[in-house]
Amino acid sequence: TANLGAASACLGFPLCNGQFIPEGNYLQHIHWIHRLLGFTLLGYTVWWAIRTRSRGAWGVVALVALQIGVAAALVLFGLPRPLQALHVAVGAGVWAGLVLAVL
């Protein structure tokens, strides 16, 4: 979303510019879909962790929840660079956690 300029298209959390489903331009839709995929991933990882009862899976749930929290802070505080970097870093951590959890 950042490379397309969509990061600043949906300021506010959990709503996108005061709307649940934005009626704005394509950048708002890209950002909203990005959020929707994040919440979908959270739901899936919670289901997976409950089903497998794996510590690794619960670690991934924690990382995904952290990622959503960082993303919320990112838009609420006006996209500061340190939070942008943290969002990327935690995202990499989510991927690494998924890989490690299934090995």
PDB file of N, CA and C in Angstrom:
ATOM      1  N   THR A   1       0.826  -1.208   0.000  1.00  0.00           N
ATOM      2  CA  THR A   1       0.000   0.000   0.000  1.00  0.00           C
ATOM      3  C   THR A   1       0.861   1.259   0.000  1.00  0.00           C
ATOM      4  N   ALA A   2       1.995   1.215   0.679  1.00  0.00           N
ATOM      5  CA  ALA A   2       2.842   2.407   0.785  1.00  0.00           C
ATOM      6  C   ALA A   2       3.410   2.816  -0.572  1.00  0.00           C
ATOM      7  N   ASN A   3       3.827   1.850  -1.374  1.00  0.00           N
ATOM      8  CA  ASN A   3       4.406   2.177  -2.678  1.00  0.00           C
ATOM      9  C   ASN A   3       3.397   2.799  -3.624  1.00  0.00           C
ATOM     10  N   LEU A   4       2.132   2.521  -3.422  1.00  0.00           N
ATOM     11  CA  LEU A   4       1.085   3.088  -4.261  1.00  0.00           C
ATOM     12  C   LEU A   4       0.567   4.417  -3.728  1.00  0.00           C
ATOM     13  N   GLY A   5       0.952   4.777  -2.524  1.00  0.00           N
ATOM     14  CA  GLY A   5       0.437   5.982  -1.896  1.00  0.00           C
ATOM     15  C   GLY A   5      -0.890   5.757  -1.200  1.00  0.00           C
ATOM     16  N   ALA A   6      -1.259   4.502  -1.010  1.00  0.00           N
ATOM     17  CA  ALA A   6      -2.549   4.190  -0.395  1.00  0.00           C
ATOM     18  C   ALA A   6      -2.510   4.277   1.124  1.00  0.00           C
ATOM     19  N   ALA A   7      -1.323   4.348   1.703  1.00  0.00           N
ATOM     20  CA  ALA A   7      -1.220   4.384   3.168  1.00  0.00           C
ATOM     21  C   ALA A   7      -1.953   5.581   3.754  1.00  0.00           C
ATOM     22  N   SER A   8      -1.891   6.710   3.089  1.00  0.00           N
ATOM     23  CA  SER A   8      -2.535   7.918   3.612  1.00  0.00           C
ATOM     24  C   SER A   8      -3.969   8.079   3.116  1.00  0.00           C
ATOM     25  N   ALA A   9      -4.471   7.122   2.359  1.00  0.00           N
ATOM     26  CA  ALA A   9      -5.818   7.239   1.804  1.00  0.00           C
ATOM     27  C   ALA A   9      -6.904   6.948   2.829  1.00  0.00           C
ATOM     28  N   CYS A  10      -6.578   6.194   3.862  1.00  0.00           N
ATOM     29  CA  CYS A  10      -7.550   5.822   4.897  1.00  0.00           C
ATOM     30  C   CYS A  10      -7.008   6.216   6.251  1.00  0.00           C
ATOM     31  N   LEU A  11      -7.207   7.450   6.614  1.00  0.00           N
ATOM     32  CA  LEU A  11      -6.786   7.873   7.943  1.00  0.00           C
ATOM     33  C   LEU A  11      -7.926   7.597   8.908  1.00  0.00           C
ATOM     34  N   GLY A  12      -7.583   7.147  10.072  1.00  0.00           N
ATOM     35  CA  GLY A  12      -8.567   6.750  11.066  1.00  0.00           C
ATOM     36  C   GLY A  12      -8.572   5.241  11.212  1.00  0.00           C
ATOM     37  N   PHE A  13      -8.954   4.802  12.401  1.00  0.00           N
ATOM     38  CA  PHE A  13      -9.012   3.367  12.661  1.00  0.00           C
ATOM     39  C   PHE A  13     -10.063   3.115  13.720  1.00  0.00           C
ATOM     40  N   PRO A  14     -10.941   2.188  13.599  1.00  0.00           N
ATOM     41  CA  PRO A  14     -10.982   1.153  12.583  1.00  0.00           C
ATOM     42  C   PRO A  14     -11.664   1.575  11.289  1.00  0.00           C
ATOM     43  N   LEU A  15     -12.345   2.709  11.291  1.00  0.00           N
ATOM     44  CA  LEU A  15     -13.013   3.153  10.070  1.00  0.00           C
ATOM     45  C   LEU A  15     -12.031   3.813   9.111  1.00  0.00           C
ATOM     46  N   CYS A  16     -12.384   3.814   7.850  1.00  0.00           N
ATOM     47  CA  CYS A  16     -11.588   4.465   6.809  1.00  0.00           C
ATOM     48  C   CYS A  16     -12.237   5.808   6.503  1.00  0.00           C
ATOM     49  N   ASN A  17     -11.651   6.864   7.025  1.00  0.00           N
ATOM     50  CA  ASN A  17     -12.200   8.212   6.845  1.00  0.00           C
ATOM     51  C   ASN A  17     -13.664   8.279   7.282  1.00  0.00           C
ATOM     52  N   GLY A  18     -13.961   7.620   8.387  1.00  0.00           N
ATOM     53  CA  GLY A  18     -15.303   7.658   8.946  1.00  0.00           C
ATOM     54  C   GLY A  18     -16.288   6.683   8.326  1.00  0.00           C
ATOM     55  N   GLN A  19     -15.837   5.841   7.405  1.00  0.00           N
ATOM     56  CA  GLN A  19     -16.729   4.898   6.735  1.00  0.00           C
ATOM     57  C   GLN A  19     -16.245   3.472   6.961  1.00  0.00           C
ATOM     58  N   PHE A  20     -17.198   2.546   7.100  1.00  0.00           N
ATOM     59  CA  PHE A  20     -16.823   1.142   7.246  1.00  0.00           C
ATOM     60  C   PHE A  20     -16.267   0.618   5.924  1.00  0.00           C
ATOM     61  N   ILE A  21     -17.002   0.849   4.846  1.00  0.00           N
ATOM     62  CA  ILE A  21     -16.522   0.519   3.501  1.00  0.00           C
ATOM     63  C   ILE A  21     -16.403   1.842   2.761  1.00  0.00           C
ATOM     64  N   PRO A  22     -15.183   2.251   2.406  1.00  0.00           N
ATOM     65  CA  PRO A  22     -15.005   3.571   1.803  1.00  0.00           C
ATOM     66  C   PRO A  22     -15.645   3.673   0.424  1.00  0.00           C
ATOM     67  N   GLU A  23     -16.210   4.845   0.166  1.00  0.00           N
ATOM     68  CA  GLU A  23     -16.827   5.115  -1.132  1.00  0.00           C
ATOM     69  C   GLU A  23     -15.928   5.989  -1.989  1.00  0.00           C
ATOM     70  N   GLY A  24     -14.687   6.163  -1.574  1.00  0.00           N
ATOM     71  CA  GLY A  24     -13.776   7.082  -2.248  1.00  0.00           C
ATOM     72  C   GLY A  24     -13.075   6.472  -3.445  1.00  0.00           C
ATOM     73  N   ASN A  25     -11.840   6.896  -3.622  1.00  0.00           N
ATOM     74  CA  ASN A  25     -11.072   6.505  -4.798  1.00  0.00           C
ATOM     75  C   ASN A  25     -10.435   5.126  -4.639  1.00  0.00           C
ATOM     76  N   TYR A  26      -9.738   4.708  -5.678  1.00  0.00           N
ATOM     77  CA  TYR A  26      -9.150   3.373  -5.688  1.00  0.00           C
ATOM     78  C   TYR A  26      -8.091   3.191  -4.600  1.00  0.00           C
ATOM     79  N   LEU A  27      -7.411   4.269  -4.198  1.00  0.00           N
ATOM     80  CA  LEU A  27      -6.410   4.147  -3.142  1.00  0.00           C
ATOM     81  C   LEU A  27      -7.056   3.782  -1.806  1.00  0.00           C
ATOM     82  N   GLN A  28      -8.225   4.343  -1.548  1.00  0.00           N
ATOM     83  CA  GLN A  28      -8.952   3.966  -0.332  1.00  0.00           C
ATOM     84  C   GLN A  28      -9.361   2.499  -0.383  1.00  0.00           C
ATOM     85  N   HIS A  29      -9.759   2.043  -1.549  1.00  0.00           N
ATOM     86  CA  HIS A  29     -10.157   0.641  -1.680  1.00  0.00           C
ATOM     87  C   HIS A  29      -8.964  -0.291  -1.485  1.00  0.00           C
ATOM     88  N   ILE A  30      -7.814   0.078  -2.019  1.00  0.00           N
ATOM     89  CA  ILE A  30      -6.603  -0.721  -1.824  1.00  0.00           C
ATOM     90  C   ILE A  30      -6.268  -0.805  -0.338  1.00  0.00           C
ATOM     91  N   HIS A  31      -6.307   0.343   0.334  1.00  0.00           N
ATOM     92  CA  HIS A  31      -5.990   0.368   1.764  1.00  0.00           C
ATOM     93  C   HIS A  31      -6.994  -0.459   2.555  1.00  0.00           C
ATOM     94  N   TRP A  32      -8.278  -0.328   2.233  1.00  0.00           N
ATOM     95  CA  TRP A  32      -9.321  -1.060   2.941  1.00  0.00           C
ATOM     96  C   TRP A  32      -9.152  -2.565   2.746  1.00  0.00           C
ATOM     97  N   ILE A  33      -8.831  -2.995   1.528  1.00  0.00           N
ATOM     98  CA  ILE A  33      -8.608  -4.418   1.266  1.00  0.00           C
ATOM     99  C   ILE A  33      -7.393  -4.909   2.048  1.00  0.00           C
ATOM    100  N   HIS A  34      -6.354  -4.077   2.145  1.00  0.00           N
ATOM    101  CA  HIS A  34      -5.168  -4.412   2.935  1.00  0.00           C
ATOM    102  C   HIS A  34      -5.572  -4.674   4.391  1.00  0.00           C
ATOM    103  N   ARG A  35      -6.419  -3.816   4.938  1.00  0.00           N
ATOM    104  CA  ARG A  35      -6.907  -4.007   6.311  1.00  0.00           C
ATOM    105  C   ARG A  35      -7.748  -5.269   6.420  1.00  0.00           C
ATOM    106  N   LEU A  36      -8.625  -5.471   5.459  1.00  0.00           N
ATOM    107  CA  LEU A  36      -9.493  -6.647   5.466  1.00  0.00           C
ATOM    108  C   LEU A  36      -8.664  -7.931   5.451  1.00  0.00           C
ATOM    109  N   LEU A  37      -7.616  -7.956   4.643  1.00  0.00           N
ATOM    110  CA  LEU A  37      -6.736  -9.127   4.603  1.00  0.00           C
ATOM    111  C   LEU A  37      -6.018  -9.326   5.937  1.00  0.00           C
ATOM    112  N   GLY A  38      -5.633  -8.238   6.592  1.00  0.00           N
ATOM    113  CA  GLY A  38      -4.991  -8.339   7.903  1.00  0.00           C
ATOM    114  C   GLY A  38      -5.915  -8.949   8.942  1.00  0.00           C
ATOM    115  N   PHE A  39      -7.163  -8.504   8.971  1.00  0.00           N
ATOM    116  CA  PHE A  39      -8.117  -9.071   9.928  1.00  0.00           C
ATOM    117  C   PHE A  39      -8.469 -10.513   9.576  1.00  0.00           C
ATOM    118  N   THR A  40      -8.515 -10.820   8.283  1.00  0.00           N
ATOM    119  CA  THR A  40      -8.746 -12.202   7.857  1.00  0.00           C
ATOM    120  C   THR A  40      -7.607 -13.096   8.328  1.00  0.00           C
ATOM    121  N   LEU A  41      -6.374 -12.608   8.179  1.00  0.00           N
ATOM    122  CA  LEU A  41      -5.214 -13.371   8.648  1.00  0.00           C
ATOM    123  C   LEU A  41      -5.287 -13.586  10.159  1.00  0.00           C
ATOM    124  N   LEU A  42      -5.702 -12.563  10.895  1.00  0.00           N
ATOM    125  CA  LEU A  42      -5.840 -12.717  12.347  1.00  0.00           C
ATOM    126  C   LEU A  42      -6.858 -13.806  12.677  1.00  0.00           C
ATOM    127  N   GLY A  43      -8.004 -13.755  12.033  1.00  0.00           N
ATOM    128  CA  GLY A  43      -9.032 -14.771  12.278  1.00  0.00           C
ATOM    129  C   GLY A  43      -8.551 -16.169  11.939  1.00  0.00           C
ATOM    130  N   TYR A  44      -7.874 -16.298  10.813  1.00  0.00           N
ATOM    131  CA  TYR A  44      -7.368 -17.614  10.416  1.00  0.00           C
ATOM    132  C   TYR A  44      -6.320 -18.132  11.398  1.00  0.00           C
ATOM    133  N   THR A  45      -5.403 -17.266  11.809  1.00  0.00           N
ATOM    134  CA  THR A  45      -4.349 -17.733  12.712  1.00  0.00           C
ATOM    135  C   THR A  45      -4.909 -18.102  14.085  1.00  0.00           C
ATOM    136  N   VAL A  46      -5.933 -17.386  14.541  1.00  0.00           N
ATOM    137  CA  VAL A  46      -6.583 -17.764  15.810  1.00  0.00           C
ATOM    138  C   VAL A  46      -7.214 -19.145  15.664  1.00  0.00           C
ATOM    139  N   TRP A  47      -7.932 -19.364  14.566  1.00  0.00           N
ATOM    140  CA  TRP A  47      -8.543 -20.675  14.315  1.00  0.00           C
ATOM    141  C   TRP A  47      -7.474 -21.767  14.269  1.00  0.00           C
ATOM    142  N   TRP A  48      -6.385 -21.491  13.553  1.00  0.00           N
ATOM    143  CA  TRP A  48      -5.277 -22.439  13.420  1.00  0.00           C
ATOM    144  C   TRP A  48      -4.655 -22.753  14.784  1.00  0.00           C
ATOM    145  N   ALA A  49      -4.447 -21.723  15.598  1.00  0.00           N
ATOM    146  CA  ALA A  49      -3.830 -21.922  16.918  1.00  0.00           C
ATOM    147  C   ALA A  49      -4.736 -22.735  17.838  1.00  0.00           C
ATOM    148  N   ILE A  50      -6.025 -22.469  17.789  1.00  0.00           N
ATOM    149  CA  ILE A  50      -6.970 -23.243  18.605  1.00  0.00           C
ATOM    150  C   ILE A  50      -6.975 -24.699  18.155  1.00  0.00           C
ATOM    151  N   ARG A  51      -6.990 -24.895  16.856  1.00  0.00           N
ATOM    152  CA  ARG A  51      -7.047 -26.242  16.298  1.00  0.00           C
ATOM    153  C   ARG A  51      -5.788 -27.058  16.589  1.00  0.00           C
ATOM    154  N   THR A  52      -4.627 -26.423  16.456  1.00  0.00           N
ATOM    155  CA  THR A  52      -3.372 -27.166  16.610  1.00  0.00           C
ATOM    156  C   THR A  52      -2.828 -27.151  18.035  1.00  0.00           C
ATOM    157  N   ARG A  53      -3.271 -26.181  18.827  1.00  0.00           N
ATOM    158  CA  ARG A  53      -2.765 -26.005  20.199  1.00  0.00           C
ATOM    159  C   ARG A  53      -1.243 -25.881  20.227  1.00  0.00           C
ATOM    160  N   SER A  54      -0.722 -25.232  19.211  1.00  0.00           N
ATOM    161  CA  SER A  54       0.723 -25.082  19.057  1.00  0.00           C
ATOM    162  C   SER A  54       1.192 -23.740  19.620  1.00  0.00           C
ATOM    163  N   ARG A  55       2.297 -23.764  20.348  1.00  0.00           N
ATOM    164  CA  ARG A  55       2.879 -22.510  20.847  1.00  0.00           C
ATOM    165  C   ARG A  55       3.299 -21.615  19.688  1.00  0.00           C
ATOM    166  N   GLY A  56       3.850 -22.236  18.654  1.00  0.00           N
ATOM    167  CA  GLY A  56       4.272 -21.464  17.485  1.00  0.00           C
ATOM    168  C   GLY A  56       3.111 -20.745  16.830  1.00  0.00           C
ATOM    169  N   ALA A  57       1.980 -21.433  16.737  1.00  0.00           N
ATOM    170  CA  ALA A  57       0.789 -20.815  16.147  1.00  0.00           C
ATOM    171  C   ALA A  57       0.316 -19.640  16.991  1.00  0.00           C
ATOM    172  N   TRP A  58       0.343 -19.802  18.322  1.00  0.00           N
ATOM    173  CA  TRP A  58      -0.057 -18.691  19.197  1.00  0.00           C
ATOM    174  C   TRP A  58       0.934 -17.534  19.102  1.00  0.00           C
ATOM    175  N   GLY A  59       2.197 -17.848  18.864  1.00  0.00           N
ATOM    176  CA  GLY A  59       3.185 -16.792  18.630  1.00  0.00           C
ATOM    177  C   GLY A  59       2.860 -15.993  17.388  1.00  0.00           C
ATOM    178  N   VAL A  60       2.410 -16.692  16.343  1.00  0.00           N
ATOM    179  CA  VAL A  60       2.012 -16.007  15.109  1.00  0.00           C
ATOM    180  C   VAL A  60       0.781 -15.138  15.362  1.00  0.00           C
ATOM    181  N   VAL A  61      -0.172 -15.641  16.137  1.00  0.00           N
ATOM    182  CA  VAL A  61      -1.354 -14.837  16.491  1.00  0.00           C
ATOM    183  C   VAL A  61      -0.911 -13.541  17.166  1.00  0.00           C
ATOM    184  N   ALA A  62       0.026 -13.648  18.093  1.00  0.00           N
ATOM    185  CA  ALA A  62       0.522 -12.457  18.791  1.00  0.00           C
ATOM    186  C   ALA A  62       1.189 -11.490  17.821  1.00  0.00           C
ATOM    187  N   LEU A  63       1.960 -12.010  16.877  1.00  0.00           N
ATOM    188  CA  LEU A  63       2.619 -11.135  15.896  1.00  0.00           C
ATOM    189  C   LEU A  63       1.607 -10.448  14.984  1.00  0.00           C
ATOM    190  N   VAL A  64       0.590 -11.179  14.550  1.00  0.00           N
ATOM    191  CA  VAL A  64      -0.437 -10.580  13.689  1.00  0.00           C
ATOM    192  C   VAL A  64      -1.206  -9.510  14.465  1.00  0.00           C
ATOM    193  N   ALA A  65      -1.536  -9.777  15.719  1.00  0.00           N
ATOM    194  CA  ALA A  65      -2.221  -8.776  16.543  1.00  0.00           C
ATOM    195  C   ALA A  65      -1.340  -7.545  16.739  1.00  0.00           C
ATOM    196  N   LEU A  66      -0.052  -7.770  16.968  1.00  0.00           N
ATOM    197  CA  LEU A  66       0.886  -6.650  17.083  1.00  0.00           C
ATOM    198  C   LEU A  66       0.923  -5.850  15.787  1.00  0.00           C
ATOM    199  N   GLN A  67       0.926  -6.534  14.663  1.00  0.00           N
ATOM    200  CA  GLN A  67       0.959  -5.861  13.361  1.00  0.00           C
ATOM    201  C   GLN A  67      -0.272  -4.980  13.174  1.00  0.00           C
ATOM    202  N   ILE A  68      -1.426  -5.468  13.570  1.00  0.00           N
ATOM    203  CA  ILE A  68      -2.652  -4.671  13.461  1.00  0.00           C
ATOM    204  C   ILE A  68      -2.578  -3.465  14.392  1.00  0.00           C
ATOM    205  N   GLY A  69      -2.045  -3.657  15.590  1.00  0.00           N
ATOM    206  CA  GLY A  69      -1.873  -2.531  16.516  1.00  0.00           C
ATOM    207  C   GLY A  69      -0.925  -1.476  15.982  1.00  0.00           C
ATOM    208  N   VAL A  70       0.180  -1.911  15.402  1.00  0.00           N
ATOM    209  CA  VAL A  70       1.136  -0.966  14.804  1.00  0.00           C
ATOM    210  C   VAL A  70       0.474  -0.238  13.639  1.00  0.00           C
ATOM    211  N   ALA A  71      -0.290  -0.962  12.833  1.00  0.00           N
ATOM    212  CA  ALA A  71      -0.977  -0.345  11.693  1.00  0.00           C
ATOM    213  C   ALA A  71      -1.980   0.707  12.162  1.00  0.00           C
ATOM    214  N   ALA A  72      -2.708   0.403  13.230  1.00  0.00           N
ATOM    215  CA  ALA A  72      -3.663   1.373  13.768  1.00  0.00           C
ATOM    216  C   ALA A  72      -2.938   2.623  14.248  1.00  0.00           C
ATOM    217  N   ALA A  73      -1.859   2.436  15.005  1.00  0.00           N
ATOM    218  CA  ALA A  73      -1.076   3.585  15.478  1.00  0.00           C
ATOM    219  C   ALA A  73      -0.512   4.373  14.308  1.00  0.00           C
ATOM    220  N   LEU A  74      -0.103   3.674  13.283  1.00  0.00           N
ATOM    221  CA  LEU A  74       0.476   4.311  12.102  1.00  0.00           C
ATOM    222  C   LEU A  74      -0.482   5.323  11.487  1.00  0.00           C
ATOM    223  N   VAL A  75      -1.731   4.913  11.253  1.00  0.00           N
ATOM    224  CA  VAL A  75      -2.676   5.850  10.641  1.00  0.00           C
ATOM    225  C   VAL A  75      -3.181   6.887  11.634  1.00  0.00           C
ATOM    226  N   LEU A  76      -3.308   6.531  12.899  1.00  0.00           N
ATOM    227  CA  LEU A  76      -3.806   7.492  13.886  1.00  0.00           C
ATOM    228  C   LEU A  76      -2.797   8.591  14.204  1.00  0.00           C
ATOM    229  N   PHE A  77      -1.511   8.291  14.069  1.00  0.00           N
ATOM    230  CA  PHE A  77      -0.469   9.279  14.360  1.00  0.00           C
ATOM    231  C   PHE A  77       0.101   9.937  13.113  1.00  0.00           C
ATOM    232  N   GLY A  78      -0.567   9.791  11.975  1.00  0.00           N
ATOM    233  CA  GLY A  78      -0.168  10.518  10.776  1.00  0.00           C
ATOM    234  C   GLY A  78       1.008   9.929  10.017  1.00  0.00           C
ATOM    235  N   LEU A  79       1.182   8.615  10.070  1.00  0.00           N
ATOM    236  CA  LEU A  79       2.190   7.891   9.284  1.00  0.00           C
ATOM    237  C   LEU A  79       3.634   8.292   9.576  1.00  0.00           C
ATOM    238  N   PRO A  80       4.035   8.346  10.846  1.00  0.00           N
ATOM    239  CA  PRO A  80       5.435   8.693  11.126  1.00  0.00           C
ATOM    240  C   PRO A  80       6.380   7.599  10.625  1.00  0.00           C
ATOM    241  N   ARG A  81       7.540   8.025  10.150  1.00  0.00           N
ATOM    242  CA  ARG A  81       8.524   7.095   9.571  1.00  0.00           C
ATOM    243  C   ARG A  81       8.900   5.943  10.507  1.00  0.00           C
ATOM    244  N   PRO A  82       9.150   6.196  11.804  1.00  0.00           N
ATOM    245  CA  PRO A  82       9.514   5.065  12.672  1.00  0.00           C
ATOM    246  C   PRO A  82       8.427   3.985  12.727  1.00  0.00           C
ATOM    247  N   LEU A  83       7.164   4.399  12.728  1.00  0.00           N
ATOM    248  CA  LEU A  83       6.086   3.407  12.739  1.00  0.00           C
ATOM    249  C   LEU A  83       5.968   2.709  11.392  1.00  0.00           C
ATOM    250  N   GLN A  84       6.273   3.408  10.304  1.00  0.00           N
ATOM    251  CA  GLN A  84       6.289   2.755   8.993  1.00  0.00           C
ATOM    252  C   GLN A  84       7.324   1.641   8.977  1.00  0.00           C
ATOM    253  N   ALA A  85       8.518   1.949   9.503  1.00  0.00           N
ATOM    254  CA  ALA A  85       9.584   0.944   9.558  1.00  0.00           C
ATOM    255  C   ALA A  85       9.180  -0.223  10.459  1.00  0.00           C
ATOM    256  N   LEU A  86       8.548   0.085  11.587  1.00  0.00           N
ATOM    257  CA  LEU A  86       8.114  -0.968  12.500  1.00  0.00           C
ATOM    258  C   LEU A  86       7.057  -1.855  11.848  1.00  0.00           C
ATOM    259  N   HIS A  87       6.161  -1.254  11.074  1.00  0.00           N
ATOM    260  CA  HIS A  87       5.118  -2.015  10.379  1.00  0.00           C
ATOM    261  C   HIS A  87       5.747  -3.014   9.401  1.00  0.00           C
ATOM    262  N   VAL A  88       6.753  -2.573   8.680  1.00  0.00           N
ATOM    263  CA  VAL A  88       7.457  -3.468   7.751  1.00  0.00           C
ATOM    264  C   VAL A  88       8.190  -4.566   8.525  1.00  0.00           C
ATOM    265  N   ALA A  89       8.855  -4.184   9.612  1.00  0.00           N
ATOM    266  CA  ALA A  89       9.620  -5.157  10.402  1.00  0.00           C
ATOM    267  C   ALA A  89       8.712  -6.211  11.030  1.00  0.00           C
ATOM    268  N   VAL A  90       7.595  -5.788  11.593  1.00  0.00           N
ATOM    269  CA  VAL A  90       6.677  -6.756  12.204  1.00  0.00           C
ATOM    270  C   VAL A  90       6.064  -7.643  11.122  1.00  0.00           C
ATOM    271  N   GLY A  91       5.787  -7.068   9.954  1.00  0.00           N
ATOM    272  CA  GLY A  91       5.288  -7.879   8.840  1.00  0.00           C
ATOM    273  C   GLY A  91       6.270  -8.977   8.463  1.00  0.00           C
ATOM    274  N   ALA A  92       7.556  -8.639   8.430  1.00  0.00           N
ATOM    275  CA  ALA A  92       8.587  -9.651   8.167  1.00  0.00           C
ATOM    276  C   ALA A  92       8.602 -10.685   9.287  1.00  0.00           C
ATOM    277  N   GLY A  93       8.375 -10.230  10.512  1.00  0.00           N
ATOM    278  CA  GLY A  93       8.305 -11.148  11.642  1.00  0.00           C
ATOM    279  C   GLY A  93       7.132 -12.110  11.541  1.00  0.00           C
ATOM    280  N   VAL A  94       6.006 -11.626  11.019  1.00  0.00           N
ATOM    281  CA  VAL A  94       4.841 -12.496  10.815  1.00  0.00           C
ATOM    282  C   VAL A  94       5.203 -13.612   9.835  1.00  0.00           C
ATOM    283  N   TRP A  95       5.824 -13.235   8.720  1.00  0.00           N
ATOM    284  CA  TRP A  95       6.233 -14.247   7.735  1.00  0.00           C
ATOM    285  C   TRP A  95       7.209 -15.240   8.351  1.00  0.00           C
ATOM    286  N   ALA A  96       8.206 -14.744   9.054  1.00  0.00           N
ATOM    287  CA  ALA A  96       9.192 -15.627   9.684  1.00  0.00           C
ATOM    288  C   ALA A  96       8.523 -16.535  10.715  1.00  0.00           C
ATOM    289  N   GLY A  97       7.609 -15.977  11.484  1.00  0.00           N
ATOM    290  CA  GLY A  97       6.893 -16.771  12.477  1.00  0.00           C
ATOM    291  C   GLY A  97       6.071 -17.881  11.845  1.00  0.00           C
ATOM    292  N   LEU A  98       5.431 -17.571  10.724  1.00  0.00           N
ATOM    293  CA  LEU A  98       4.660 -18.595  10.017  1.00  0.00           C
ATOM    294  C   LEU A  98       5.561 -19.726   9.536  1.00  0.00           C
ATOM    295  N   VAL A  99       6.701 -19.358   8.965  1.00  0.00           N
ATOM    296  CA  VAL A  99       7.639 -20.375   8.478  1.00  0.00           C
ATOM    297  C   VAL A  99       8.125 -21.248   9.630  1.00  0.00           C
ATOM    298  N   LEU A 100       8.547 -20.618  10.711  1.00  0.00           N
ATOM    299  CA  LEU A 100       9.062 -21.376  11.855  1.00  0.00           C
ATOM    300  C   LEU A 100       7.985 -22.241  12.511  1.00  0.00           C
ATOM    301  N   ALA A 101       6.754 -21.745  12.534  1.00  0.00           N
ATOM    302  CA  ALA A 101       5.675 -22.487  13.193  1.00  0.00           C
ATOM    303  C   ALA A 101       5.316 -23.769  12.453  1.00  0.00           C
ATOM    304  N   VAL A 102       5.539 -23.796  11.154  1.00  0.00           N
ATOM    305  CA  VAL A 102       5.153 -24.993  10.396  1.00  0.00           C
ATOM    306  C   VAL A 102       6.320 -25.952  10.172  1.00  0.00           C
ATOM    307  N   LEU A 103       7.513 -25.571  10.586  1.00  0.00           N
ATOM    308  CA  LEU A 103       8.662 -26.474  10.426  1.00  0.00           C
ATOM    309  C   LEU A 103       8.694 -27.542  11.494  1.00  0.00           C
TER     310      LEU A 103
END
